Structure formats: C-alpha cells, structure tokens
C-alpha atoms as a PDB file:
ATOM      1  CA  MET A   1     157.805  85.066 -76.916  1.00  0.00           C
ATOM      2  CA  GLU A   2     154.694  85.868 -78.842  1.00  0.00           C
ATOM      3  CA  PHE A   3     151.889  83.341 -79.411  1.00  0.00           C
ATOM      4  CA  ARG A   4     151.921  81.707 -82.817  1.00  0.00           C
ATOM      5  CA  THR A   5     148.348  80.761 -84.557  1.00  0.00           C
ATOM      6  CA  ILE A   6     148.159  77.677 -86.288  1.00  0.00           C
ATOM      7  CA  SER A   7     144.939  76.853 -88.266  1.00  0.00           C
ATOM      8  CA  ALA A   8     142.875  73.820 -87.486  1.00  0.00           C
ATOM      9  CA  GLU A   9     143.329  72.669 -91.442  1.00  0.00           C
ATOM     10  CA  THR A  10     146.939  72.729 -90.682  1.00  0.00           C
ATOM     11  CA  VAL A  11     146.759  70.161 -88.042  1.00  0.00           C
ATOM     12  CA  THR A  12     144.552  68.016 -90.129  1.00  0.00           C
ATOM     13  CA  ALA A  13     146.184  67.939 -93.022  1.00  0.00           C
ATOM     14  CA  ALA A  14     149.396  66.857 -91.075  1.00  0.00           C
ATOM     15  CA  VAL A  15     147.168  64.158 -89.038  1.00  0.00           C
ATOM     16  CA  LYS A  16     146.049  62.988 -92.441  1.00  0.00           C
ATOM     17  CA  LYS A  17     149.497  62.493 -93.731  1.00  0.00           C
ATOM     18  CA  LEU A  18     150.732  60.910 -90.674  1.00  0.00           C
ATOM     19  CA  PHE A  19     148.257  57.885 -90.783  1.00  0.00           C
ATOM     20  CA  MET A  20     148.841  57.355 -94.283  1.00  0.00           C
ATOM     21  CA  ASP A  21     152.497  57.221 -94.336  1.00  0.00           C
ATOM     22  CA  CYS A  22     152.624  54.956 -91.173  1.00  0.00           C
ATOM     23  CA  ASN A  23     150.211  52.444 -92.634  1.00  0.00           C
ATOM     24  CA  TYR A  24     151.978  52.444 -95.944  1.00  0.00           C
ATOM     25  CA  PHE A  25     155.857  52.975 -95.091  1.00  0.00           C
ATOM     26  CA  ILE A  26     157.349  50.852 -92.337  1.00  0.00           C
ATOM     27  CA  GLY A  27     159.738  52.375 -90.639  1.00  0.00           C
ATOM     28  CA  GLY A  28     163.586  52.698 -90.910  1.00  0.00           C
ATOM     29  CA  ASP A  29     164.418  51.430 -87.424  1.00  0.00           C
ATOM     30  CA  ILE A  30     161.951  48.010 -88.147  1.00  0.00           C
ATOM     31  CA  LEU A  31     162.961  47.331 -91.267  1.00  0.00           C
ATOM     32  CA  CYS A  32     166.635  47.000 -90.441  1.00  0.00           C
ATOM     33  CA  ALA A  33     165.916  45.036 -87.474  1.00  0.00           C
ATOM     34  CA  LEU A  34     164.028  42.593 -89.688  1.00  0.00           C
ATOM     35  CA  GLN A  35     166.737  42.614 -92.083  1.00  0.00           C
ATOM     36  CA  LYS A  36     169.382  41.463 -88.993  1.00  0.00           C
ATOM     37  CA  ALA A  37     166.998  39.116 -87.602  1.00  0.00           C
ATOM     38  CA  ARG A  38     166.841  37.335 -91.106  1.00  0.00           C
ATOM     39  CA  GLU A  39     170.718  37.199 -91.214  1.00  0.00           C
ATOM     40  CA  ASN A  40     170.728  35.885 -87.474  1.00  0.00           C
ATOM     41  CA  GLU A  41     167.692  33.767 -87.721  1.00  0.00           C
ATOM     42  CA  ALA A  42     168.443  30.089 -87.106  1.00  0.00           C
ATOM     43  CA  SER A  43     165.392  28.672 -88.334  1.00  0.00           C
ATOM     44  CA  PRO A  44     164.915  28.064 -92.061  1.00  0.00           C
ATOM     45  CA  VAL A  45     161.299  28.443 -91.798  1.00  0.00           C
ATOM     46  CA  GLY A  46     161.854  31.719 -89.608  1.00  0.00           C
ATOM     47  CA  LYS A  47     163.873  33.075 -92.274  1.00  0.00           C
ATOM     48  CA  SER A  48     161.272  32.568 -94.968  1.00  0.00           C
ATOM     49  CA  VAL A  49     158.827  33.960 -92.671  1.00  0.00           C
ATOM     50  CA  LEU A  50     161.150  37.154 -92.162  1.00  0.00           C
ATOM     51  CA  SER A  51     161.825  37.423 -96.009  1.00  0.00           C
ATOM     52  CA  GLN A  52     158.059  37.339 -96.650  1.00  0.00           C
ATOM     53  CA  ILE A  53     157.389  40.053 -94.007  1.00  0.00           C
ATOM     54  CA  ILE A  54     160.246  42.211 -95.825  1.00  0.00           C
ATOM     55  CA  GLU A  55     158.874  41.884 -98.794  1.00  0.00           C
ATOM     56  CA  ASN A  56     155.478  42.736 -97.903  1.00  0.00           C
ATOM     57  CA  ASN A  57     156.918  45.943 -96.683  1.00  0.00           C
ATOM     58  CA  ARG A  58     158.537  46.690-100.029  1.00  0.00           C
ATOM     59  CA  ILE A  59     155.284  46.157-101.692  1.00  0.00           C
ATOM     60  CA  ALA A  60     153.350  48.232 -99.342  1.00  0.00           C
ATOM     61  CA  ALA A  61     155.706  50.879 -99.934  1.00  0.00           C
ATOM     62  CA  GLU A  62     155.708  50.873-103.656  1.00  0.00           C
ATOM     63  CA  GLU A  63     152.224  50.568-104.088  1.00  0.00           C
ATOM     64  CA  GLU A  64     151.132  52.820-101.313  1.00  0.00           C
ATOM     65  CA  ILE A  65     148.718  49.994 -99.902  1.00  0.00           C
ATOM     66  CA  PRO A  66     148.531  49.052 -95.855  1.00  0.00           C
ATOM     67  CA  ILE A  67     151.465  47.039 -94.223  1.00  0.00           C
ATOM     68  CA  CYS A  68     148.403  44.973 -92.461  1.00  0.00           C
ATOM     69  CA  GLN A  69     144.736  44.853 -93.145  1.00  0.00           C
ATOM     70  CA  ASP A  70     144.298  45.930 -89.664  1.00  0.00           C
ATOM     71  CA  THR A  71     145.150  49.457 -89.751  1.00  0.00           C
ATOM     72  CA  GLY A  72     144.743  50.204 -86.332  1.00  0.00           C
ATOM     73  CA  MET A  73     143.040  52.421 -83.744  1.00  0.00           C
ATOM     74  CA  ALA A  74     144.477  55.756 -84.059  1.00  0.00           C
ATOM     75  CA  VAL A  75     146.895  56.671 -81.421  1.00  0.00           C
ATOM     76  CA  LEU A  76     149.136  60.179 -81.146  1.00  0.00           C
ATOM     77  CA  PHE A  77     151.311  61.451 -78.426  1.00  0.00           C
ATOM     78  CA  VAL A  78     151.427  65.152 -78.813  1.00  0.00           C
ATOM     79  CA  GLU A  79     153.700  67.759 -77.297  1.00  0.00           C
ATOM     80  CA  TYR A  80     151.770  70.997 -77.770  1.00  0.00           C
ATOM     81  CA  GLY A  81     153.780  74.219 -77.351  1.00  0.00           C
ATOM     82  CA  ASP A  82     152.489  76.739 -74.666  1.00  0.00           C
ATOM     83  CA  LYS A  83     152.877  79.677 -77.039  1.00  0.00           C
ATOM     84  CA  ILE A  84     150.392  78.055 -79.584  1.00  0.00           C
ATOM     85  CA  CYS A  85     146.821  79.201 -80.321  1.00  0.00           C
ATOM     86  CA  ILE A  86     144.748  76.827 -82.404  1.00  0.00           C
ATOM     87  CA  ASP A  87     142.210  78.570 -84.910  1.00  0.00           C
ATOM     88  CA  GLY A  88     139.475  76.050 -84.109  1.00  0.00           C
ATOM     89  CA  ASP A  89     139.032  72.957 -82.162  1.00  0.00           C
ATOM     90  CA  PHE A  90     142.260  70.855 -81.620  1.00  0.00           C
ATOM     91  CA  ASP A  91     140.720  67.571 -81.023  1.00  0.00           C
ATOM     92  CA  GLU A  92     138.285  67.854 -83.751  1.00  0.00           C
ATOM     93  CA  ALA A  93     141.029  68.816 -86.170  1.00  0.00           C
ATOM     94  CA  VAL A  94     142.984  65.518 -85.304  1.00  0.00           C
ATOM     95  CA  ASN A  95     139.887  63.596 -85.533  1.00  0.00           C
ATOM     96  CA  GLU A  96     139.243  65.021 -89.197  1.00  0.00           C
ATOM     97  CA  GLY A  97     142.738  64.224 -89.951  1.00  0.00           C
ATOM     98  CA  VAL A  98     142.316  60.653 -88.954  1.00  0.00           C
ATOM     99  CA  ARG A  99     138.967  60.476 -90.998  1.00  0.00           C
ATOM    100  CA  GLN A 100     140.155  61.769 -94.020  1.00  0.00           C
ATOM    101  CA  ALA A 101     143.360  59.322 -93.972  1.00  0.00           C
ATOM    102  CA  TYR A 102     141.129  56.196 -93.302  1.00  0.00           C
ATOM    103  CA  ARG A 103     138.457  57.634 -96.126  1.00  0.00           C
ATOM    104  CA  ASP A 104     141.124  58.756 -98.430  1.00  0.00           C
ATOM    105  CA  GLY A 105     143.566  56.075 -97.914  1.00  0.00           C
ATOM    106  CA  PHE A 106     141.106  53.328 -98.076  1.00  0.00           C
ATOM    107  CA  LEU A 107     142.516  52.097 -94.538  1.00  0.00           C
ATOM    108  CA  ARG A 108     140.139  49.587 -92.746  1.00  0.00           C
ATOM    109  CA  LYS A 109     137.824  51.513 -90.100  1.00  0.00           C
ATOM    110  CA  SER A 110     137.904  49.237 -86.802  1.00  0.00           C
ATOM    111  CA  VAL A 111     136.388  51.423 -84.123  1.00  0.00           C
ATOM    112  CA  VAL A 112     132.913  51.019 -82.506  1.00  0.00           C
ATOM    113  CA  SER A 113     131.017  53.653 -80.927  1.00  0.00           C
ATOM    114  CA  ASP A 114     130.404  51.421 -77.253  1.00  0.00           C
ATOM    115  CA  PRO A 115     132.753  48.899 -76.153  1.00  0.00           C
ATOM    116  CA  VAL A 116     129.897  46.350 -74.841  1.00  0.00           C
ATOM    117  CA  PHE A 117     126.438  47.237 -75.974  1.00  0.00           C
ATOM    118  CA  ASP A 118     126.246  49.239 -78.797  1.00  0.00           C
ATOM    119  CA  ARG A 119     129.145  47.725 -80.954  1.00  0.00           C
ATOM    120  CA  VAL A 120     128.384  49.868 -84.169  1.00  0.00           C
ATOM    121  CA  ASN A 121     131.248  50.784 -86.436  1.00  0.00           C
ATOM    122  CA  THR A 122     131.752  54.573 -86.501  1.00  0.00           C
ATOM    123  CA  ARG A 123     132.638  54.268 -90.074  1.00  0.00           C
ATOM    124  CA  ASP A 124     135.617  56.765 -89.945  1.00  0.00           C
ATOM    125  CA  ASN A 125     137.840  55.158 -87.532  1.00  0.00           C
ATOM    126  CA  THR A 126     137.228  57.970 -84.950  1.00  0.00           C
ATOM    127  CA  PRO A 127     137.468  59.025 -82.364  1.00  0.00           C
ATOM    128  CA  ALA A 128     141.334  59.127 -81.995  1.00  0.00           C
ATOM    129  CA  VAL A 129     143.121  58.171 -78.720  1.00  0.00           C
ATOM    130  CA  ILE A 130     144.978  61.338 -77.855  1.00  0.00           C
ATOM    131  CA  HIS A 131     147.905  61.932 -75.279  1.00  0.00           C
ATOM    132  CA  THR A 132     148.487  65.766 -74.884  1.00  0.00           C
ATOM    133  CA  LYS A 133     151.372  67.092 -72.928  1.00  0.00           C
ATOM    134  CA  ILE A 134     151.647  70.753 -72.461  1.00  0.00           C
ATOM    135  CA  VAL A 135     155.803  71.967 -73.363  1.00  0.00           C
ATOM    136  CA  SER A 136     157.812  74.904 -73.493  1.00  0.00           C
ATOM    137  CA  GLY A 137     157.653  76.695 -77.220  1.00  0.00           C
ATOM    138  CA  ASP A 138     155.739  77.592 -80.127  1.00  0.00           C
ATOM    139  CA  LYS A 139     155.415  74.495 -82.123  1.00  0.00           C
ATOM    140  CA  ILE A 140     153.394  71.106 -81.976  1.00  0.00           C
ATOM    141  CA  ARG A 141     154.856  67.714 -82.289  1.00  0.00           C
ATOM    142  CA  LEU A 142     152.814  64.712 -83.258  1.00  0.00           C
ATOM    143  CA  THR A 143     153.740  61.280 -83.110  1.00  0.00           C
ATOM    144  CA  ALA A 144     151.126  59.143 -84.563  1.00  0.00           C
ATOM    145  CA  GLY A 145     150.662  55.093 -84.753  1.00  0.00           C
ATOM    146  CA  GLY A 146     147.820  52.621 -85.904  1.00  0.00           C
ATOM    147  CA  LYS A 147     147.536  50.182 -83.068  1.00  0.00           C
ATOM    148  CA  GLY A 148     146.190  46.569 -84.174  1.00  0.00           C
ATOM    149  CA  PHE A 149     144.399  44.609 -81.588  1.00  0.00           C
ATOM    150  CA  GLY A 150     145.784  41.307 -82.223  1.00  0.00           C
ATOM    151  CA  SER A 151     148.779  42.258 -80.484  1.00  0.00           C
ATOM    152  CA  GLU A 152     146.941  44.996 -78.062  1.00  0.00           C
ATOM    153  CA  ASN A 153     144.531  42.200 -76.851  1.00  0.00           C
ATOM    154  CA  MET A 154     148.065  40.487 -75.683  1.00  0.00           C
ATOM    155  CA  SER A 155     148.967  43.453 -73.116  1.00  0.00           C
ATOM    156  CA  ALA A 156     148.429  43.573 -69.551  1.00  0.00           C
ATOM    157  CA  VAL A 157     149.012  45.712 -66.098  1.00  0.00           C
ATOM    158  CA  LYS A 158     150.176  44.373 -62.681  1.00  0.00           C
ATOM    159  CA  MET A 159     150.233  46.512 -59.850  1.00  0.00           C
ATOM    160  CA  LEU A 160     153.338  44.737 -58.087  1.00  0.00           C
ATOM    161  CA  ALA A 161     154.583  45.758 -54.291  1.00  0.00           C
ATOM    162  CA  PRO A 162     158.049  47.061 -54.172  1.00  0.00           C
ATOM    163  CA  SER A 163     159.014  43.835 -52.520  1.00  0.00           C
ATOM    164  CA  TYR A 164     158.760  42.357 -55.796  1.00  0.00           C
ATOM    165  CA  GLY A 165     162.013  44.046 -56.965  1.00  0.00           C
ATOM    166  CA  VAL A 166     163.596  43.634 -60.530  1.00  0.00           C
ATOM    167  CA  ASP A 167     162.813  39.935 -60.527  1.00  0.00           C
ATOM    168  CA  GLY A 168     159.274  40.457 -59.860  1.00  0.00           C
ATOM    169  CA  VAL A 169     159.164  43.080 -62.900  1.00  0.00           C
ATOM    170  CA  ARG A 170     160.959  40.778 -65.231  1.00  0.00           C
ATOM    171  CA  ARG A 171     159.064  37.673 -64.023  1.00  0.00           C
ATOM    172  CA  PHE A 172     155.609  39.502 -65.185  1.00  0.00           C
ATOM    173  CA  ILE A 173     156.933  40.927 -68.192  1.00  0.00           C
ATOM    174  CA  LEU A 174     158.282  37.546 -69.489  1.00  0.00           C
ATOM    175  CA  ASP A 175     155.120  35.616 -68.219  1.00  0.00           C
ATOM    176  CA  THR A 176     152.956  38.218 -70.127  1.00  0.00           C
ATOM    177  CA  VAL A 177     154.892  37.545 -73.337  1.00  0.00           C
ATOM    178  CA  PHE A 178     154.916  33.742 -72.985  1.00  0.00           C
ATOM    179  CA  ARG A 179     151.268  33.746 -72.283  1.00  0.00           C
ATOM    180  CA  ALA A 180     150.812  35.741 -75.543  1.00  0.00           C
ATOM    181  CA  GLY A 181     152.732  33.155 -77.836  1.00  0.00           C
ATOM    182  CA  PRO A 182     151.996  33.429 -81.604  1.00  0.00           C
ATOM    183  CA  ASN A 183     148.756  35.384 -81.004  1.00  0.00           C
ATOM    184  CA  PRO A 184     150.492  38.888 -81.454  1.00  0.00           C
ATOM    185  CA  CYS A 185     152.181  38.020 -84.818  1.00  0.00           C
ATOM    186  CA  PRO A 186     155.749  37.764 -84.032  1.00  0.00           C
ATOM    187  CA  PRO A 187     158.023  39.108 -84.154  1.00  0.00           C
ATOM    188  CA  ILE A 188     157.025  41.692 -81.671  1.00  0.00           C
ATOM    189  CA  VAL A 189     157.985  44.803 -80.247  1.00  0.00           C
ATOM    190  CA  VAL A 190     157.443  44.425 -76.251  1.00  0.00           C
ATOM    191  CA  GLY A 191     156.643  48.172 -74.617  1.00  0.00           C
ATOM    192  CA  VAL A 192     157.036  48.154 -71.025  1.00  0.00           C
ATOM    193  CA  GLY A 193     155.790  51.171 -68.774  1.00  0.00           C
ATOM    194  CA  ILE A 194     157.110  51.071 -65.086  1.00  0.00           C
ATOM    195  CA  GLY A 195     156.000  53.563 -62.443  1.00  0.00           C
ATOM    196  CA  GLY A 196     153.506  56.414 -62.236  1.00  0.00           C
ATOM    197  CA  THR A 197     149.927  55.270 -61.646  1.00  0.00           C
ATOM    198  CA  PHE A 198     147.663  52.500 -62.927  1.00  0.00           C
ATOM    199  CA  GLU A 199     147.159  54.700 -65.832  1.00  0.00           C
ATOM    200  CA  ARG A 200     150.525  55.950 -66.236  1.00  0.00           C
ATOM    201  CA  ALA A 201     152.271  52.884 -66.522  1.00  0.00           C
ATOM    202  CA  ALA A 202     149.933  51.679 -69.434  1.00  0.00           C
ATOM    203  CA  GLN A 203     150.581  55.009 -71.097  1.00  0.00           C
ATOM    204  CA  LEU A 204     154.254  54.696 -70.830  1.00  0.00           C
ATOM    205  CA  ALA A 205     154.121  51.206 -72.226  1.00  0.00           C
ATOM    206  CA  LYS A 206     152.335  52.685 -75.359  1.00  0.00           C
ATOM    207  CA  LYS A 207     154.642  55.165 -75.493  1.00  0.00           C
ATOM    208  CA  ALA A 208     157.460  52.668 -75.557  1.00  0.00           C
ATOM    209  CA  THR A 209     156.134  50.997 -78.435  1.00  0.00           C
ATOM    210  CA  PHE A 210     156.645  54.177 -80.344  1.00  0.00           C
ATOM    211  CA  ARG A 211     160.244  54.298 -79.420  1.00  0.00           C
ATOM    212  CA  PRO A 212     162.703  53.268 -82.146  1.00  0.00           C
ATOM    213  CA  VAL A 213     163.958  49.815 -81.623  1.00  0.00           C
ATOM    214  CA  ASP A 214     167.623  50.792 -82.531  1.00  0.00           C
ATOM    215  CA  THR A 215     167.596  52.928 -79.055  1.00  0.00           C
ATOM    216  CA  CYS A 216     167.845  52.211 -75.623  1.00  0.00           C
ATOM    217  CA  HIS A 217     166.979  53.525 -72.275  1.00  0.00           C
ATOM    218  CA  ALA A 218     169.166  56.563 -71.087  1.00  0.00           C
ATOM    219  CA  ASP A 219     169.477  54.840 -67.645  1.00  0.00           C
ATOM    220  CA  PRO A 220     172.172  51.989 -68.228  1.00  0.00           C
ATOM    221  CA  ARG A 221     170.591  49.597 -65.407  1.00  0.00           C
ATOM    222  CA  TYR A 222     167.173  49.709 -67.500  1.00  0.00           C
ATOM    223  CA  ALA A 223     169.112  49.691 -70.898  1.00  0.00           C
ATOM    224  CA  ALA A 224     170.724  46.046 -69.598  1.00  0.00           C
ATOM    225  CA  LEU A 225     167.357  44.944 -68.412  1.00  0.00           C
ATOM    226  CA  GLU A 226     166.016  45.552 -72.015  1.00  0.00           C
ATOM    227  CA  ASP A 227     168.423  43.518 -73.356  1.00  0.00           C
ATOM    228  CA  GLU A 228     168.272  40.840 -70.978  1.00  0.00           C
ATOM    229  CA  LEU A 229     164.659  40.550 -71.411  1.00  0.00           C
ATOM    230  CA  LEU A 230     165.029  40.469 -75.099  1.00  0.00           C
ATOM    231  CA  ALA A 231     167.379  37.793 -75.001  1.00  0.00           C
ATOM    232  CA  GLU A 232     165.012  35.441 -72.648  1.00  0.00           C
ATOM    233  CA  ILE A 233     162.074  36.279 -74.862  1.00  0.00           C
ATOM    234  CA  ASN A 234     164.004  34.912 -77.993  1.00  0.00           C
ATOM    235  CA  LYS A 235     164.737  31.769 -76.250  1.00  0.00           C
ATOM    236  CA  MET A 236     161.008  31.190 -75.648  1.00  0.00           C
ATOM    237  CA  GLY A 237     161.019  30.039 -79.364  1.00  0.00           C
ATOM    238  CA  PHE A 238     157.896  30.891 -80.741  1.00  0.00           C
ATOM    239  CA  GLY A 239     159.562  32.693 -83.772  1.00  0.00           C
ATOM    240  CA  PRO A 240     158.661  34.605 -86.717  1.00  0.00           C
ATOM    241  CA  ALA A 241     154.504  34.264 -87.307  1.00  0.00           C
ATOM    242  CA  GLY A 242     154.980  31.675 -84.263  1.00  0.00           C
ATOM    243  CA  LEU A 243     156.317  28.969 -86.584  1.00  0.00           C
ATOM    244  CA  GLY A 244     159.572  28.378 -84.394  1.00  0.00           C
ATOM    245  CA  GLY A 245     162.991  30.363 -84.687  1.00  0.00           C
ATOM    246  CA  SER A 246     164.981  32.415 -82.692  1.00  0.00           C
ATOM    247  CA  THR A 247     163.434  35.881 -83.345  1.00  0.00           C
ATOM    248  CA  THR A 248     160.182  36.162 -81.407  1.00  0.00           C
ATOM    249  CA  ALA A 249     160.820  39.665 -80.477  1.00  0.00           C
ATOM    250  CA  LEU A 250     162.668  42.793 -82.343  1.00  0.00           C
ATOM    251  CA  ALA A 251     162.910  44.818 -79.133  1.00  0.00           C
ATOM    252  CA  VAL A 252     162.046  45.364 -75.538  1.00  0.00           C
ATOM    253  CA  ASN A 253     161.741  49.081 -74.683  1.00  0.00           C
ATOM    254  CA  ILE A 254     161.035  50.182 -71.447  1.00  0.00           C
ATOM    255  CA  GLU A 255     159.837  53.525 -70.198  1.00  0.00           C
ATOM    256  CA  THR A 256     159.803  54.761 -66.387  1.00  0.00           C
ATOM    257  CA  ALA A 257     158.227  57.385 -64.211  1.00  0.00           C
ATOM    258  CA  PRO A 258     158.473  58.155 -60.531  1.00  0.00           C
ATOM    259  CA  THR A 259     155.773  56.296 -58.454  1.00  0.00           C
ATOM    260  CA  HIS A 260     154.297  56.257 -54.796  1.00  0.00           C
ATOM    261  CA  ILE A 261     156.470  54.571 -52.134  1.00  0.00           C
ATOM    262  CA  ALA A 262     153.728  51.833 -51.744  1.00  0.00           C
ATOM    263  CA  GLY A 263     153.666  50.626 -55.538  1.00  0.00           C
ATOM    264  CA  MET A 264     155.346  49.597 -58.348  1.00  0.00           C
ATOM    265  CA  PRO A 265     152.781  49.393 -61.519  1.00  0.00           C
ATOM    266  CA  VAL A 266     154.273  47.473 -64.470  1.00  0.00           C
ATOM    267  CA  ALA A 267     152.339  47.451 -67.722  1.00  0.00           C
ATOM    268  CA  VAL A 268     153.371  45.514 -70.989  1.00  0.00           C
ATOM    269  CA  ASN A 269     151.913  46.546 -74.298  1.00  0.00           C
ATOM    270  CA  ILE A 270     152.644  44.260 -77.153  1.00  0.00           C
ATOM    271  CA  CYS A 271     153.116  45.581 -80.624  1.00  0.00           C
ATOM    272  CA  CYS A 272     153.234  43.227 -83.896  1.00  0.00           C
ATOM    273  CA  HIS A 273     156.082  43.557 -86.417  1.00  0.00           C
ATOM    274  CA  ALA A 274     154.048  46.370 -88.073  1.00  0.00           C
ATOM    275  CA  ALA A 275     154.822  48.911 -85.684  1.00  0.00           C
ATOM    276  CA  ARG A 276     153.413  51.527 -87.237  1.00  0.00           C
ATOM    277  CA  HIS A 277     154.298  55.155 -86.124  1.00  0.00           C
ATOM    278  CA  ALA A 278     155.269  58.231 -87.821  1.00  0.00           C
ATOM    279  CA  GLY A 279     156.192  61.896 -86.424  1.00  0.00           C
ATOM    280  CA  THR A 280     156.151  65.552 -87.575  1.00  0.00           C
ATOM    281  CA  GLU A 281     156.375  68.806 -86.064  1.00  0.00           C
ATOM    282  CA  ILE A 282     154.084  71.777 -86.968  1.00  0.00           C
END
C-alpha cells in the first residue's frame, strides 16, 4: 500500500468542525437515554429537570449555541494510519482546529498555561489533550470531546491490590460516585478504566466516557458489572441536577486492559449529561 498524503489544513478543518458540532449537538445516544430516563423517572422534580435538559439540547442544536457554558478542555482520541503522511505538523494542525473552533464558534476558552503558578488563560483553548494510537491503514479516525471540569474534578484513580477483587473494584467506583454527589451535574456518565498502569487506567476511563451509552462491554462479565453499578448508582437518589430522583446516571461504561500481576489499577472519570463527543474519518 502506498503512503497517502493528507494536508495539515484538512486535519484542521476536520477538528474545527468536530468541536463546534460536539458543543452544539448532543449525541443521539445521550438524547435517547435522557428521553428514556424522563419516562422512567419517579420524581416529578426529576422528570421536570430532565425535560428542561432535553429542551436545552433542542435549543442549542436549533440555534447552534453551546449546550453548556463550560465548553470544556479539548480531548481527542486519534487512530493514525501507518500509511499516512501529514503535509505539516499533525499536533499543530489539531491545535489550530481547536483554536478556530473556539474562536469562530464563540465557545468559552478555559485553558490556563500553567497549572499552579501562572494560571494565565491561553485565550484559544489550546493546547488540546491528544491520545494517539498507530493503526494499520491509510486513514485517520478522530474522536473529539469537550471535557467540562465540574465533572472532571470528581474523578479519581486508585491502585488496588489484586486481592481486592471485583468487590473492591465495585466499592471504589460506588464510593467515588457517592462522594461526587450532585457536584458533576447529574445525570452522569461514569467512565471506568481497569488495568494497565496508573496513567493507562485513567486514559481508559476517559475513553469509556466517549463510548456510546447504548453499548456495553464485549465481555459479558463486565457488561453485567456495568448494569449492576448503574442500578446501584441510581439507588443513591441524587437524581437529575442533584434535586432527588431515580436518575443519577445514564450509563456506566467500563474499558479494560491487561495489567501487572501485582496490581489492579482502577480509574473513574465522571462526565455530566452534556457528554459531548463527535467523530470523523479522514
């Protein structure tokens, strides 16, 4: 197979569209989950909140304005074909796409240049967080999302010993969600990463929040655990907007990876109901 050349401008245009789209248009999977939750919500207040969320999403799509004022930090998962050649700097092309999206799309710019001492806004929402995986082929698959920090701040990683077993994994996930309470703007999507190393577990948890909520883990054991955790979380009673009800979460998505014989890393990444993600292929 011959190498295929893609211009940096093509990457930039694709990234710009992804971030404008994901901030304006809620995914069909999330919308369906919200509508189903409204039908099943036991609390009248909770049902009203879900109706308002659905209406908010409708207005955002019609007027092409942000679903939420926190338009997030730009995160991308990239599957980069090994027969691709970029005419230019790939990372800079991605960041230019983010820059243009947040400028031209009137999206809030929330990134600061230094985490501790010089918390100065970069004024263009860059740099993006880019997770790149080399795959076979001559295409680039981009999955992008704007991650708001009301929910991001409620996330956690724990290095469990293997002896904790599935009960320990279950308890850590539930404890993390319970401590978060109403802070991450429920109903939430709970992304869970299990395995790998410290940083790999967190990456898996983030990737899990990008997975459509109408899908399940391929391994039936983990799929059953997803369902069990979702049921337990919704028994906590925080409900939509934290005002009480039976819909605290829309989904629990688990992603897994092989790990060391001495460890069992677990990460929980919480995402609010504005679970913004969009994908495209170049």
